[in-house]
Amino acid sequence: MKKYIKLPNVQLLLALVALIVLYPFLERLQSGRIAVIAFDWAILALALRSAKSTGVQTNLGYALLIPTIVLQATGALTGEGGFHVVVLLFQAALHTFVITCLFRYVLSDEIMTLDELFAAGSMYAMLAFVFAYLYSIVEYFSPGSFYINASNNPDGLFSWFEMLYFSFTCLTSVGFGEITPVSDHARSLVMIQQLIGVLYLAIVISRLISMHSRRMK
């Protein structure tokens, strides 16, 4: 158990999965919004720690992390919606920075380690989070860019969690069809994510298999 605690990408992947599982419960609680923000901060800290463990300089990471936390806290206290879209931009930028660091980390080694295996899983999950933030930004500036079938959205509410769910369906090429991109900007993002999802499997998975073969030899 101790060896897993020392692997930063194990903790990051578990935190991402935990947020996905707990979010539907937390959003129903009166203090759920605060809990989600606290959980979000923990994930950001773990993400930056994972990036730092790859040996790269993380000054850019801190430059993205600190404003994200400050703006998110300010928006929660004041209730000002304008902070929300800025936080989404910083979230997307920080997650992209961490993904880039982890991608270099996985491709730079010749032998696969357990941490690199979990890094590949963390990258895949974080890609879905990045596009969920981008989809939310598109919906914020252009309401109605996404359509949810009434039978799948009886309350008529459109939250970030729907965007995360939609992002995972696009990334994995499942495409259940209850959420549909309507505007051209939304469709452009969907096409980019689908392309990245296919390339990720082709590049990273094949790289991991190659690294595992060297390890066995």
N, C-alpha and C. Protein backbone atom coordinates (compact mmCIF):
# COMPACT_ATOMS: atom_id res chain seq x y z
N MET A 1 0.83 -1.22 0.00
CA MET A 1 0.00 0.00 0.00
C MET A 1 0.86 1.26 0.00
N LYS A 2 2.00 1.19 0.73
CA LYS A 2 2.86 2.37 0.85
C LYS A 2 3.46 2.75 -0.49
N LYS A 3 3.77 1.76 -1.31
CA LYS A 3 4.40 2.09 -2.60
C LYS A 3 3.44 2.85 -3.51
N TYR A 4 2.12 2.60 -3.36
CA TYR A 4 1.15 3.33 -4.17
C TYR A 4 1.01 4.77 -3.70
N ILE A 5 1.16 4.99 -2.38
CA ILE A 5 1.07 6.34 -1.85
C ILE A 5 2.19 7.23 -2.39
N LYS A 6 3.34 6.61 -2.66
CA LYS A 6 4.49 7.36 -3.15
C LYS A 6 4.39 7.67 -4.64
N LEU A 7 3.42 7.10 -5.31
CA LEU A 7 3.24 7.34 -6.75
C LEU A 7 2.22 8.46 -6.94
N PRO A 8 2.66 9.64 -7.37
CA PRO A 8 1.75 10.80 -7.46
C PRO A 8 0.60 10.59 -8.44
N ASN A 9 0.85 9.85 -9.51
CA ASN A 9 -0.20 9.67 -10.50
C ASN A 9 -1.29 8.71 -10.06
N VAL A 10 -0.98 7.84 -9.11
CA VAL A 10 -2.01 6.99 -8.53
C VAL A 10 -3.01 7.86 -7.77
N GLN A 11 -2.49 8.77 -6.96
CA GLN A 11 -3.36 9.66 -6.18
C GLN A 11 -4.16 10.58 -7.09
N LEU A 12 -3.54 11.07 -8.14
CA LEU A 12 -4.25 11.96 -9.07
C LEU A 12 -5.40 11.23 -9.76
N LEU A 13 -5.14 10.04 -10.27
CA LEU A 13 -6.17 9.28 -10.96
C LEU A 13 -7.32 8.92 -10.01
N LEU A 14 -6.98 8.52 -8.80
CA LEU A 14 -8.01 8.18 -7.82
C LEU A 14 -8.86 9.40 -7.46
N ALA A 15 -8.21 10.56 -7.37
CA ALA A 15 -8.94 11.79 -7.04
C ALA A 15 -9.89 12.18 -8.17
N LEU A 16 -9.46 12.02 -9.41
CA LEU A 16 -10.32 12.34 -10.56
C LEU A 16 -11.53 11.41 -10.59
N VAL A 17 -11.30 10.12 -10.37
CA VAL A 17 -12.39 9.16 -10.36
C VAL A 17 -13.34 9.43 -9.19
N ALA A 18 -12.76 9.78 -8.03
CA ALA A 18 -13.58 10.06 -6.85
C ALA A 18 -14.49 11.26 -7.08
N LEU A 19 -13.98 12.28 -7.75
CA LEU A 19 -14.81 13.46 -8.03
C LEU A 19 -15.97 13.09 -8.96
N ILE A 20 -15.70 12.25 -9.95
CA ILE A 20 -16.75 11.82 -10.87
C ILE A 20 -17.85 11.05 -10.12
N VAL A 21 -17.42 10.21 -9.19
CA VAL A 21 -18.39 9.39 -8.45
C VAL A 21 -19.16 10.22 -7.43
N LEU A 22 -18.47 11.15 -6.74
CA LEU A 22 -19.09 11.89 -5.64
C LEU A 22 -19.86 13.13 -6.08
N TYR A 23 -19.57 13.65 -7.26
CA TYR A 23 -20.20 14.90 -7.69
C TYR A 23 -21.73 14.85 -7.65
N PRO A 24 -22.37 13.79 -8.16
CA PRO A 24 -23.84 13.76 -8.10
C PRO A 24 -24.39 13.82 -6.67
N PHE A 25 -23.63 13.31 -5.71
CA PHE A 25 -24.08 13.37 -4.31
C PHE A 25 -23.82 14.75 -3.72
N LEU A 26 -22.67 15.32 -4.05
CA LEU A 26 -22.28 16.60 -3.45
C LEU A 26 -23.15 17.75 -3.94
N GLU A 27 -23.53 17.73 -5.22
CA GLU A 27 -24.29 18.85 -5.77
C GLU A 27 -25.70 18.95 -5.17
N ARG A 28 -26.17 17.88 -4.54
CA ARG A 28 -27.49 17.90 -3.92
C ARG A 28 -27.46 18.42 -2.49
N LEU A 29 -26.27 18.49 -1.90
CA LEU A 29 -26.14 18.96 -0.53
C LEU A 29 -26.10 20.48 -0.49
N GLN A 30 -26.52 21.03 0.64
CA GLN A 30 -26.52 22.49 0.79
C GLN A 30 -25.10 23.05 0.75
N SER A 31 -24.19 22.31 1.36
CA SER A 31 -22.78 22.73 1.35
C SER A 31 -21.98 21.99 0.29
N GLY A 32 -22.70 21.39 -0.66
CA GLY A 32 -22.03 20.59 -1.67
C GLY A 32 -21.11 21.40 -2.57
N ARG A 33 -21.52 22.64 -2.87
CA ARG A 33 -20.70 23.49 -3.74
C ARG A 33 -19.33 23.74 -3.11
N ILE A 34 -19.32 23.98 -1.81
CA ILE A 34 -18.05 24.20 -1.10
C ILE A 34 -17.21 22.94 -1.14
N ALA A 35 -17.85 21.78 -0.95
CA ALA A 35 -17.14 20.51 -0.97
C ALA A 35 -16.54 20.25 -2.35
N VAL A 36 -17.29 20.58 -3.41
CA VAL A 36 -16.78 20.39 -4.77
C VAL A 36 -15.57 21.28 -5.02
N ILE A 37 -15.63 22.52 -4.56
CA ILE A 37 -14.50 23.45 -4.73
C ILE A 37 -13.27 22.93 -4.00
N ALA A 38 -13.46 22.46 -2.75
CA ALA A 38 -12.35 21.92 -1.98
C ALA A 38 -11.76 20.69 -2.67
N PHE A 39 -12.63 19.84 -3.20
CA PHE A 39 -12.18 18.67 -3.93
C PHE A 39 -11.41 19.09 -5.17
N ASP A 40 -11.89 20.11 -5.82
CA ASP A 40 -11.26 20.62 -7.03
C ASP A 40 -9.86 21.14 -6.73
N TRP A 41 -9.72 21.86 -5.63
CA TRP A 41 -8.41 22.36 -5.24
C TRP A 41 -7.44 21.22 -4.97
N ALA A 42 -7.93 20.17 -4.32
CA ALA A 42 -7.08 19.01 -4.03
C ALA A 42 -6.59 18.36 -5.33
N ILE A 43 -7.48 18.29 -6.32
CA ILE A 43 -7.10 17.70 -7.61
C ILE A 43 -6.06 18.57 -8.31
N LEU A 44 -6.25 19.89 -8.24
CA LEU A 44 -5.28 20.80 -8.85
C LEU A 44 -3.90 20.66 -8.21
N ALA A 45 -3.89 20.54 -6.88
CA ALA A 45 -2.62 20.37 -6.17
C ALA A 45 -1.96 19.04 -6.54
N LEU A 46 -2.75 17.98 -6.62
CA LEU A 46 -2.22 16.68 -7.00
C LEU A 46 -1.73 16.69 -8.45
N ALA A 47 -2.45 17.40 -9.31
CA ALA A 47 -2.04 17.49 -10.71
C ALA A 47 -0.70 18.20 -10.85
N LEU A 48 -0.55 19.29 -10.11
CA LEU A 48 0.72 20.02 -10.16
C LEU A 48 1.84 19.18 -9.56
N ARG A 49 1.54 18.42 -8.52
CA ARG A 49 2.54 17.53 -7.92
C ARG A 49 2.97 16.45 -8.91
N SER A 50 2.02 15.93 -9.67
CA SER A 50 2.34 14.93 -10.68
C SER A 50 3.23 15.53 -11.77
N ALA A 51 2.91 16.76 -12.17
CA ALA A 51 3.73 17.43 -13.18
C ALA A 51 5.14 17.67 -12.66
N LYS A 52 5.25 18.06 -11.40
CA LYS A 52 6.55 18.32 -10.78
C LYS A 52 7.38 17.05 -10.68
N SER A 53 6.71 15.90 -10.47
CA SER A 53 7.43 14.64 -10.34
C SER A 53 8.07 14.19 -11.65
N THR A 54 7.66 14.80 -12.77
CA THR A 54 8.26 14.44 -14.05
C THR A 54 9.60 15.12 -14.26
N GLY A 55 9.96 16.03 -13.37
CA GLY A 55 11.26 16.70 -13.45
C GLY A 55 11.24 18.01 -14.20
N VAL A 56 10.08 18.49 -14.62
CA VAL A 56 10.00 19.76 -15.35
C VAL A 56 9.83 20.92 -14.37
N GLN A 57 10.16 22.11 -14.83
CA GLN A 57 9.94 23.31 -14.02
C GLN A 57 8.45 23.60 -13.96
N THR A 58 7.96 23.90 -12.78
CA THR A 58 6.51 24.08 -12.60
C THR A 58 6.14 25.53 -12.29
N ASN A 59 6.98 26.47 -12.68
CA ASN A 59 6.64 27.88 -12.44
C ASN A 59 5.35 28.26 -13.16
N LEU A 60 5.20 27.76 -14.38
CA LEU A 60 3.98 28.03 -15.12
C LEU A 60 2.78 27.40 -14.42
N GLY A 61 2.99 26.23 -13.86
CA GLY A 61 1.91 25.56 -13.14
C GLY A 61 1.43 26.37 -11.96
N TYR A 62 2.37 26.92 -11.17
CA TYR A 62 1.99 27.76 -10.03
C TYR A 62 1.32 29.05 -10.51
N ALA A 63 1.78 29.57 -11.64
CA ALA A 63 1.19 30.80 -12.18
C ALA A 63 -0.25 30.58 -12.62
N LEU A 64 -0.61 29.34 -12.91
CA LEU A 64 -1.99 29.01 -13.27
C LEU A 64 -2.79 28.56 -12.06
N LEU A 65 -2.13 27.89 -11.13
CA LEU A 65 -2.83 27.34 -9.96
C LEU A 65 -3.31 28.44 -9.02
N ILE A 66 -2.45 29.38 -8.69
CA ILE A 66 -2.79 30.41 -7.69
C ILE A 66 -3.97 31.28 -8.15
N PRO A 67 -3.96 31.82 -9.38
CA PRO A 67 -5.13 32.60 -9.82
C PRO A 67 -6.41 31.78 -9.87
N THR A 68 -6.29 30.50 -10.22
CA THR A 68 -7.47 29.64 -10.27
C THR A 68 -8.13 29.53 -8.91
N ILE A 69 -7.32 29.29 -7.88
CA ILE A 69 -7.85 29.15 -6.53
C ILE A 69 -8.45 30.47 -6.04
N VAL A 70 -7.73 31.57 -6.28
CA VAL A 70 -8.21 32.88 -5.84
C VAL A 70 -9.52 33.26 -6.52
N LEU A 71 -9.57 33.09 -7.82
CA LEU A 71 -10.78 33.45 -8.57
C LEU A 71 -11.95 32.55 -8.21
N GLN A 72 -11.67 31.28 -8.02
CA GLN A 72 -12.74 30.35 -7.65
C GLN A 72 -13.32 30.69 -6.28
N ALA A 73 -12.43 31.03 -5.34
CA ALA A 73 -12.89 31.40 -4.01
C ALA A 73 -13.66 32.71 -4.04
N THR A 74 -13.17 33.67 -4.82
CA THR A 74 -13.85 34.96 -4.93
C THR A 74 -15.23 34.82 -5.55
N GLY A 75 -15.30 34.00 -6.59
CA GLY A 75 -16.59 33.78 -7.24
C GLY A 75 -17.58 33.10 -6.32
N ALA A 76 -17.10 32.16 -5.49
CA ALA A 76 -17.98 31.46 -4.56
C ALA A 76 -18.49 32.39 -3.46
N LEU A 77 -17.66 33.32 -3.03
CA LEU A 77 -18.04 34.24 -1.96
C LEU A 77 -18.97 35.35 -2.45
N THR A 78 -18.69 35.85 -3.64
CA THR A 78 -19.47 36.98 -4.15
C THR A 78 -20.67 36.55 -4.98
N GLY A 79 -20.61 35.32 -5.50
CA GLY A 79 -21.70 34.85 -6.36
C GLY A 79 -21.68 35.48 -7.74
N GLU A 80 -20.59 36.12 -8.09
CA GLU A 80 -20.47 36.78 -9.39
C GLU A 80 -20.17 35.73 -10.46
N GLY A 81 -21.05 35.62 -11.45
CA GLY A 81 -20.91 34.61 -12.48
C GLY A 81 -19.75 34.84 -13.43
N GLY A 82 -19.30 36.10 -13.51
CA GLY A 82 -18.20 36.40 -14.42
C GLY A 82 -16.91 35.70 -14.04
N PHE A 83 -16.72 35.42 -12.75
CA PHE A 83 -15.52 34.72 -12.33
C PHE A 83 -15.52 33.28 -12.84
N HIS A 84 -16.71 32.72 -13.02
CA HIS A 84 -16.83 31.31 -13.37
C HIS A 84 -16.14 31.00 -14.70
N VAL A 85 -16.37 31.81 -15.70
CA VAL A 85 -15.80 31.53 -17.01
C VAL A 85 -14.28 31.71 -17.00
N VAL A 86 -13.78 32.67 -16.21
CA VAL A 86 -12.33 32.86 -16.10
C VAL A 86 -11.70 31.65 -15.40
N VAL A 87 -12.37 31.14 -14.37
CA VAL A 87 -11.88 29.95 -13.69
C VAL A 87 -11.83 28.77 -14.65
N LEU A 88 -12.83 28.65 -15.49
CA LEU A 88 -12.85 27.57 -16.47
C LEU A 88 -11.65 27.66 -17.41
N LEU A 89 -11.32 28.87 -17.82
CA LEU A 89 -10.15 29.06 -18.69
C LEU A 89 -8.86 28.65 -18.00
N PHE A 90 -8.69 29.07 -16.74
CA PHE A 90 -7.49 28.71 -15.99
C PHE A 90 -7.45 27.20 -15.72
N GLN A 91 -8.61 26.62 -15.43
CA GLN A 91 -8.67 25.18 -15.21
C GLN A 91 -8.22 24.43 -16.45
N ALA A 92 -8.74 24.82 -17.59
CA ALA A 92 -8.37 24.16 -18.84
C ALA A 92 -6.88 24.32 -19.13
N ALA A 93 -6.35 25.52 -18.87
CA ALA A 93 -4.93 25.78 -19.12
C ALA A 93 -4.05 24.96 -18.19
N LEU A 94 -4.41 24.89 -16.91
CA LEU A 94 -3.60 24.15 -15.94
C LEU A 94 -3.63 22.65 -16.25
N HIS A 95 -4.81 22.13 -16.55
CA HIS A 95 -4.90 20.71 -16.88
C HIS A 95 -4.12 20.39 -18.15
N THR A 96 -4.16 21.29 -19.13
CA THR A 96 -3.39 21.08 -20.36
C THR A 96 -1.90 21.08 -20.07
N PHE A 97 -1.46 21.97 -19.18
CA PHE A 97 -0.05 22.01 -18.78
C PHE A 97 0.37 20.68 -18.15
N VAL A 98 -0.44 20.16 -17.25
CA VAL A 98 -0.12 18.90 -16.58
C VAL A 98 -0.11 17.74 -17.58
N ILE A 99 -1.08 17.73 -18.49
CA ILE A 99 -1.13 16.68 -19.51
C ILE A 99 0.14 16.70 -20.36
N THR A 100 0.58 17.90 -20.73
CA THR A 100 1.81 18.02 -21.52
C THR A 100 3.01 17.46 -20.77
N CYS A 101 3.11 17.79 -19.48
CA CYS A 101 4.22 17.27 -18.66
C CYS A 101 4.18 15.76 -18.57
N LEU A 102 3.00 15.20 -18.33
CA LEU A 102 2.86 13.76 -18.21
C LEU A 102 3.11 13.06 -19.54
N PHE A 103 2.69 13.71 -20.62
CA PHE A 103 2.92 13.13 -21.95
C PHE A 103 4.41 13.02 -22.24
N ARG A 104 5.16 14.06 -21.92
CA ARG A 104 6.62 14.03 -22.09
C ARG A 104 7.24 12.99 -21.18
N TYR A 105 6.69 12.86 -19.99
CA TYR A 105 7.18 11.90 -19.00
C TYR A 105 7.04 10.47 -19.51
N VAL A 106 5.88 10.15 -20.08
CA VAL A 106 5.63 8.80 -20.57
C VAL A 106 6.48 8.48 -21.80
N LEU A 107 6.64 9.47 -22.68
CA LEU A 107 7.38 9.22 -23.92
C LEU A 107 8.89 9.26 -23.76
N SER A 108 9.38 9.85 -22.67
CA SER A 108 10.82 10.03 -22.52
C SER A 108 11.52 8.79 -21.98
N ASP A 109 10.80 7.91 -21.31
CA ASP A 109 11.41 6.74 -20.70
C ASP A 109 11.42 5.58 -21.68
N GLU A 110 12.28 4.61 -21.42
CA GLU A 110 12.38 3.44 -22.28
C GLU A 110 11.74 2.21 -21.68
N ILE A 111 11.56 2.21 -20.36
CA ILE A 111 10.98 1.06 -19.67
C ILE A 111 9.76 1.53 -18.88
N MET A 112 8.67 0.82 -19.00
CA MET A 112 7.44 1.22 -18.34
C MET A 112 7.51 0.96 -16.84
N THR A 113 7.09 1.96 -16.07
CA THR A 113 6.98 1.82 -14.63
C THR A 113 5.50 1.89 -14.24
N LEU A 114 5.21 1.54 -13.00
CA LEU A 114 3.83 1.57 -12.54
C LEU A 114 3.28 2.99 -12.53
N ASP A 115 4.13 3.96 -12.17
CA ASP A 115 3.69 5.35 -12.14
C ASP A 115 3.36 5.85 -13.53
N GLU A 116 4.12 5.43 -14.53
CA GLU A 116 3.85 5.84 -15.91
C GLU A 116 2.54 5.23 -16.42
N LEU A 117 2.23 4.03 -15.96
CA LEU A 117 0.96 3.41 -16.34
C LEU A 117 -0.22 4.22 -15.79
N PHE A 118 -0.11 4.65 -14.54
CA PHE A 118 -1.17 5.47 -13.96
C PHE A 118 -1.16 6.88 -14.55
N ALA A 119 0.02 7.35 -14.98
CA ALA A 119 0.10 8.65 -15.65
C ALA A 119 -0.70 8.64 -16.95
N ALA A 120 -0.66 7.52 -17.67
CA ALA A 120 -1.43 7.40 -18.90
C ALA A 120 -2.93 7.48 -18.61
N GLY A 121 -3.35 6.83 -17.51
CA GLY A 121 -4.76 6.91 -17.12
C GLY A 121 -5.16 8.30 -16.68
N SER A 122 -4.27 8.97 -15.96
CA SER A 122 -4.54 10.35 -15.52
C SER A 122 -4.67 11.30 -16.69
N MET A 123 -3.79 11.14 -17.68
CA MET A 123 -3.85 11.98 -18.87
C MET A 123 -5.19 11.82 -19.60
N TYR A 124 -5.62 10.58 -19.70
CA TYR A 124 -6.86 10.30 -20.43
C TYR A 124 -8.06 10.94 -19.73
N ALA A 125 -8.09 10.81 -18.41
CA ALA A 125 -9.19 11.41 -17.65
C ALA A 125 -9.12 12.93 -17.70
N MET A 126 -7.91 13.49 -17.61
CA MET A 126 -7.77 14.94 -17.62
C MET A 126 -8.10 15.53 -18.98
N LEU A 127 -7.90 14.78 -20.04
CA LEU A 127 -8.31 15.25 -21.37
C LEU A 127 -9.82 15.48 -21.40
N ALA A 128 -10.55 14.58 -20.77
CA ALA A 128 -12.01 14.75 -20.71
C ALA A 128 -12.37 15.99 -19.90
N PHE A 129 -11.64 16.24 -18.81
CA PHE A 129 -11.90 17.41 -17.98
C PHE A 129 -11.60 18.69 -18.76
N VAL A 130 -10.51 18.71 -19.51
CA VAL A 130 -10.14 19.90 -20.28
C VAL A 130 -11.26 20.28 -21.25
N PHE A 131 -11.75 19.31 -21.99
CA PHE A 131 -12.79 19.62 -22.97
C PHE A 131 -14.12 19.92 -22.31
N ALA A 132 -14.35 19.37 -21.12
CA ALA A 132 -15.56 19.74 -20.38
C ALA A 132 -15.53 21.21 -20.02
N TYR A 133 -14.36 21.72 -19.62
CA TYR A 133 -14.22 23.15 -19.34
C TYR A 133 -14.43 23.97 -20.60
N LEU A 134 -13.86 23.51 -21.72
CA LEU A 134 -14.00 24.25 -22.98
C LEU A 134 -15.44 24.24 -23.47
N TYR A 135 -16.12 23.12 -23.34
CA TYR A 135 -17.53 23.06 -23.72
C TYR A 135 -18.37 24.00 -22.86
N SER A 136 -18.05 24.07 -21.57
CA SER A 136 -18.78 24.97 -20.67
C SER A 136 -18.56 26.42 -21.06
N ILE A 137 -17.35 26.75 -21.50
CA ILE A 137 -17.05 28.11 -21.94
C ILE A 137 -17.87 28.45 -23.19
N VAL A 138 -17.92 27.52 -24.13
CA VAL A 138 -18.70 27.73 -25.35
C VAL A 138 -20.17 27.94 -25.00
N GLU A 139 -20.70 27.13 -24.10
CA GLU A 139 -22.10 27.24 -23.70
C GLU A 139 -22.36 28.55 -22.96
N TYR A 140 -21.36 29.02 -22.22
CA TYR A 140 -21.51 30.29 -21.47
C TYR A 140 -21.64 31.47 -22.43
N PHE A 141 -20.78 31.52 -23.44
CA PHE A 141 -20.79 32.64 -24.37
C PHE A 141 -21.86 32.49 -25.45
N SER A 142 -22.24 31.25 -25.73
CA SER A 142 -23.25 31.01 -26.76
C SER A 142 -24.26 30.00 -26.24
N PRO A 143 -25.19 30.45 -25.40
CA PRO A 143 -26.20 29.53 -24.84
C PRO A 143 -26.97 28.80 -25.93
N GLY A 144 -27.18 27.53 -25.71
CA GLY A 144 -27.88 26.73 -26.71
C GLY A 144 -26.96 26.03 -27.68
N SER A 145 -25.63 26.11 -27.43
CA SER A 145 -24.68 25.44 -28.31
C SER A 145 -24.78 23.92 -28.19
N PHE A 146 -25.35 23.46 -27.07
CA PHE A 146 -25.55 22.03 -26.86
C PHE A 146 -27.02 21.79 -26.53
N TYR A 147 -27.53 20.69 -27.03
CA TYR A 147 -28.93 20.35 -26.81
C TYR A 147 -29.00 19.00 -26.10
N ILE A 148 -29.80 18.93 -25.02
CA ILE A 148 -30.03 17.68 -24.30
C ILE A 148 -31.48 17.27 -24.52
N ASN A 149 -31.70 16.04 -24.92
CA ASN A 149 -33.06 15.55 -25.11
C ASN A 149 -33.87 15.72 -23.83
N ALA A 150 -35.09 16.15 -23.98
CA ALA A 150 -35.94 16.42 -22.81
C ALA A 150 -36.12 15.19 -21.93
N SER A 151 -36.15 14.01 -22.54
CA SER A 151 -36.32 12.79 -21.76
C SER A 151 -35.11 12.49 -20.88
N ASN A 152 -33.94 13.02 -21.27
CA ASN A 152 -32.72 12.82 -20.49
C ASN A 152 -32.41 14.01 -19.58
N ASN A 153 -33.22 15.07 -19.69
CA ASN A 153 -32.98 16.26 -18.88
C ASN A 153 -34.33 16.87 -18.46
N PRO A 154 -35.09 16.14 -17.63
CA PRO A 154 -36.45 16.59 -17.29
C PRO A 154 -36.49 17.89 -16.50
N ASP A 155 -35.42 18.19 -15.72
CA ASP A 155 -35.43 19.41 -14.93
C ASP A 155 -35.01 20.64 -15.73
N GLY A 156 -34.49 20.42 -16.94
CA GLY A 156 -34.10 21.54 -17.79
C GLY A 156 -32.82 22.23 -17.39
N LEU A 157 -32.11 21.69 -16.40
CA LEU A 157 -30.86 22.30 -15.94
C LEU A 157 -29.69 21.80 -16.78
N PHE A 158 -28.71 22.68 -16.93
CA PHE A 158 -27.54 22.36 -17.75
C PHE A 158 -26.30 22.70 -16.93
N SER A 159 -25.65 21.69 -16.38
CA SER A 159 -24.52 21.92 -15.48
C SER A 159 -23.22 21.46 -16.10
N TRP A 160 -22.13 21.76 -15.37
CA TRP A 160 -20.80 21.34 -15.82
C TRP A 160 -20.70 19.82 -15.87
N PHE A 161 -21.41 19.13 -15.01
CA PHE A 161 -21.33 17.67 -14.98
C PHE A 161 -21.86 17.06 -16.27
N GLU A 162 -22.90 17.67 -16.87
CA GLU A 162 -23.37 17.22 -18.17
C GLU A 162 -22.29 17.36 -19.22
N MET A 163 -21.52 18.46 -19.13
CA MET A 163 -20.44 18.67 -20.09
C MET A 163 -19.32 17.65 -19.89
N LEU A 164 -19.06 17.30 -18.63
CA LEU A 164 -18.03 16.29 -18.36
C LEU A 164 -18.47 14.94 -18.90
N TYR A 165 -19.72 14.60 -18.67
CA TYR A 165 -20.28 13.34 -19.19
C TYR A 165 -20.20 13.31 -20.72
N PHE A 166 -20.59 14.42 -21.35
CA PHE A 166 -20.53 14.51 -22.81
C PHE A 166 -19.10 14.40 -23.31
N SER A 167 -18.17 15.00 -22.58
CA SER A 167 -16.77 14.97 -22.96
C SER A 167 -16.22 13.54 -22.95
N PHE A 168 -16.59 12.77 -21.93
CA PHE A 168 -16.14 11.38 -21.86
C PHE A 168 -16.73 10.54 -23.00
N THR A 169 -17.99 10.81 -23.36
CA THR A 169 -18.58 10.04 -24.45
C THR A 169 -17.91 10.36 -25.79
N CYS A 170 -17.48 11.60 -25.96
CA CYS A 170 -16.76 11.98 -27.19
C CYS A 170 -15.36 11.39 -27.20
N LEU A 171 -14.68 11.48 -26.05
CA LEU A 171 -13.29 11.02 -25.97
C LEU A 171 -13.20 9.52 -26.21
N THR A 172 -14.17 8.78 -25.70
CA THR A 172 -14.17 7.32 -25.86
C THR A 172 -14.92 6.86 -27.10
N SER A 173 -15.45 7.81 -27.86
CA SER A 173 -16.20 7.51 -29.10
C SER A 173 -17.42 6.65 -28.84
N VAL A 174 -18.03 6.80 -27.66
CA VAL A 174 -19.24 6.06 -27.35
C VAL A 174 -20.44 6.73 -28.02
N GLY A 175 -20.63 8.04 -27.71
CA GLY A 175 -21.67 8.81 -28.38
C GLY A 175 -23.07 8.28 -28.20
N PHE A 176 -23.60 8.37 -26.98
CA PHE A 176 -24.95 7.88 -26.73
C PHE A 176 -26.01 8.70 -27.46
N GLY A 177 -25.76 9.97 -27.67
CA GLY A 177 -26.65 10.77 -28.50
C GLY A 177 -27.65 11.63 -27.77
N GLU A 178 -27.71 11.56 -26.42
CA GLU A 178 -28.69 12.39 -25.73
C GLU A 178 -28.24 13.85 -25.63
N ILE A 179 -26.94 14.11 -25.75
CA ILE A 179 -26.41 15.48 -25.80
C ILE A 179 -25.83 15.70 -27.19
N THR A 180 -26.26 16.78 -27.83
CA THR A 180 -25.87 17.01 -29.22
C THR A 180 -25.28 18.41 -29.37
N PRO A 181 -24.09 18.54 -30.00
CA PRO A 181 -23.56 19.87 -30.30
C PRO A 181 -24.37 20.51 -31.42
N VAL A 182 -24.78 21.74 -31.21
CA VAL A 182 -25.64 22.42 -32.18
C VAL A 182 -24.88 23.48 -32.97
N SER A 183 -24.11 24.32 -32.26
CA SER A 183 -23.39 25.41 -32.93
C SER A 183 -22.13 24.89 -33.61
N ASP A 184 -21.62 25.69 -34.55
CA ASP A 184 -20.41 25.30 -35.27
C ASP A 184 -19.20 25.26 -34.35
N HIS A 185 -19.12 26.18 -33.39
CA HIS A 185 -17.99 26.19 -32.46
C HIS A 185 -17.99 24.92 -31.61
N ALA A 186 -19.16 24.51 -31.16
CA ALA A 186 -19.26 23.29 -30.37
C ALA A 186 -18.86 22.07 -31.19
N ARG A 187 -19.31 22.03 -32.43
CA ARG A 187 -18.98 20.89 -33.29
C ARG A 187 -17.48 20.85 -33.60
N SER A 188 -16.87 22.01 -33.75
CA SER A 188 -15.42 22.05 -34.00
C SER A 188 -14.66 21.44 -32.84
N LEU A 189 -15.06 21.81 -31.61
CA LEU A 189 -14.41 21.26 -30.43
C LEU A 189 -14.60 19.75 -30.34
N VAL A 190 -15.80 19.30 -30.68
CA VAL A 190 -16.08 17.87 -30.63
C VAL A 190 -15.18 17.12 -31.61
N MET A 191 -15.02 17.64 -32.81
CA MET A 191 -14.16 16.99 -33.80
C MET A 191 -12.71 16.95 -33.35
N ILE A 192 -12.25 18.03 -32.72
CA ILE A 192 -10.87 18.06 -32.22
C ILE A 192 -10.69 17.03 -31.11
N GLN A 193 -11.66 16.94 -30.21
CA GLN A 193 -11.55 15.97 -29.13
C GLN A 193 -11.58 14.53 -29.66
N GLN A 194 -12.43 14.27 -30.62
CA GLN A 194 -12.47 12.93 -31.19
C GLN A 194 -11.14 12.57 -31.85
N LEU A 195 -10.54 13.53 -32.53
CA LEU A 195 -9.24 13.30 -33.16
C LEU A 195 -8.17 13.03 -32.11
N ILE A 196 -8.17 13.83 -31.04
CA ILE A 196 -7.19 13.63 -29.97
C ILE A 196 -7.38 12.29 -29.30
N GLY A 197 -8.64 11.89 -29.09
CA GLY A 197 -8.91 10.61 -28.45
C GLY A 197 -8.36 9.44 -29.25
N VAL A 198 -8.50 9.49 -30.57
CA VAL A 198 -7.98 8.42 -31.43
C VAL A 198 -6.45 8.44 -31.43
N LEU A 199 -5.86 9.63 -31.55
CA LEU A 199 -4.41 9.73 -31.56
C LEU A 199 -3.81 9.30 -30.23
N TYR A 200 -4.51 9.61 -29.14
CA TYR A 200 -4.01 9.21 -27.81
C TYR A 200 -3.86 7.69 -27.73
N LEU A 201 -4.90 6.99 -28.15
CA LEU A 201 -4.85 5.53 -28.10
C LEU A 201 -3.75 4.99 -29.02
N ALA A 202 -3.60 5.62 -30.18
CA ALA A 202 -2.62 5.14 -31.14
C ALA A 202 -1.18 5.38 -30.66
N ILE A 203 -0.95 6.55 -30.05
CA ILE A 203 0.42 6.92 -29.67
C ILE A 203 0.78 6.40 -28.29
N VAL A 204 -0.01 6.76 -27.29
CA VAL A 204 0.35 6.44 -25.90
C VAL A 204 0.25 4.94 -25.62
N ILE A 205 -0.83 4.31 -26.03
CA ILE A 205 -0.99 2.89 -25.75
C ILE A 205 0.07 2.06 -26.45
N SER A 206 0.36 2.39 -27.71
CA SER A 206 1.41 1.66 -28.43
C SER A 206 2.77 1.89 -27.77
N ARG A 207 2.97 3.10 -27.25
CA ARG A 207 4.22 3.41 -26.55
C ARG A 207 4.34 2.60 -25.26
N LEU A 208 3.27 2.49 -24.52
CA LEU A 208 3.27 1.71 -23.28
C LEU A 208 3.54 0.23 -23.57
N ILE A 209 2.95 -0.28 -24.63
CA ILE A 209 3.19 -1.68 -25.00
C ILE A 209 4.65 -1.90 -25.34
N SER A 210 5.22 -0.95 -26.09
CA SER A 210 6.64 -1.04 -26.44
C SER A 210 7.53 -0.98 -25.19
N MET A 211 7.21 -0.09 -24.27
CA MET A 211 7.98 0.04 -23.03
C MET A 211 7.85 -1.23 -22.17
N HIS A 212 6.66 -1.81 -22.16
CA HIS A 212 6.45 -3.03 -21.39
C HIS A 212 7.25 -4.18 -21.97
N SER A 213 7.36 -4.24 -23.30
CA SER A 213 8.15 -5.28 -23.94
C SER A 213 9.62 -5.18 -23.58
N ARG A 214 10.13 -3.94 -23.52
CA ARG A 214 11.52 -3.74 -23.12
C ARG A 214 11.73 -4.15 -21.67
N ARG A 215 10.73 -3.87 -20.84
CA ARG A 215 10.84 -4.23 -19.42
C ARG A 215 10.89 -5.74 -19.26
N MET A 216 10.07 -6.46 -20.01
CA MET A 216 10.06 -7.93 -19.93
C MET A 216 11.38 -8.51 -20.40
N LYS A 217 11.99 -7.88 -21.42
CA LYS A 217 13.29 -8.37 -21.89
C LYS A 217 14.39 -8.11 -20.89
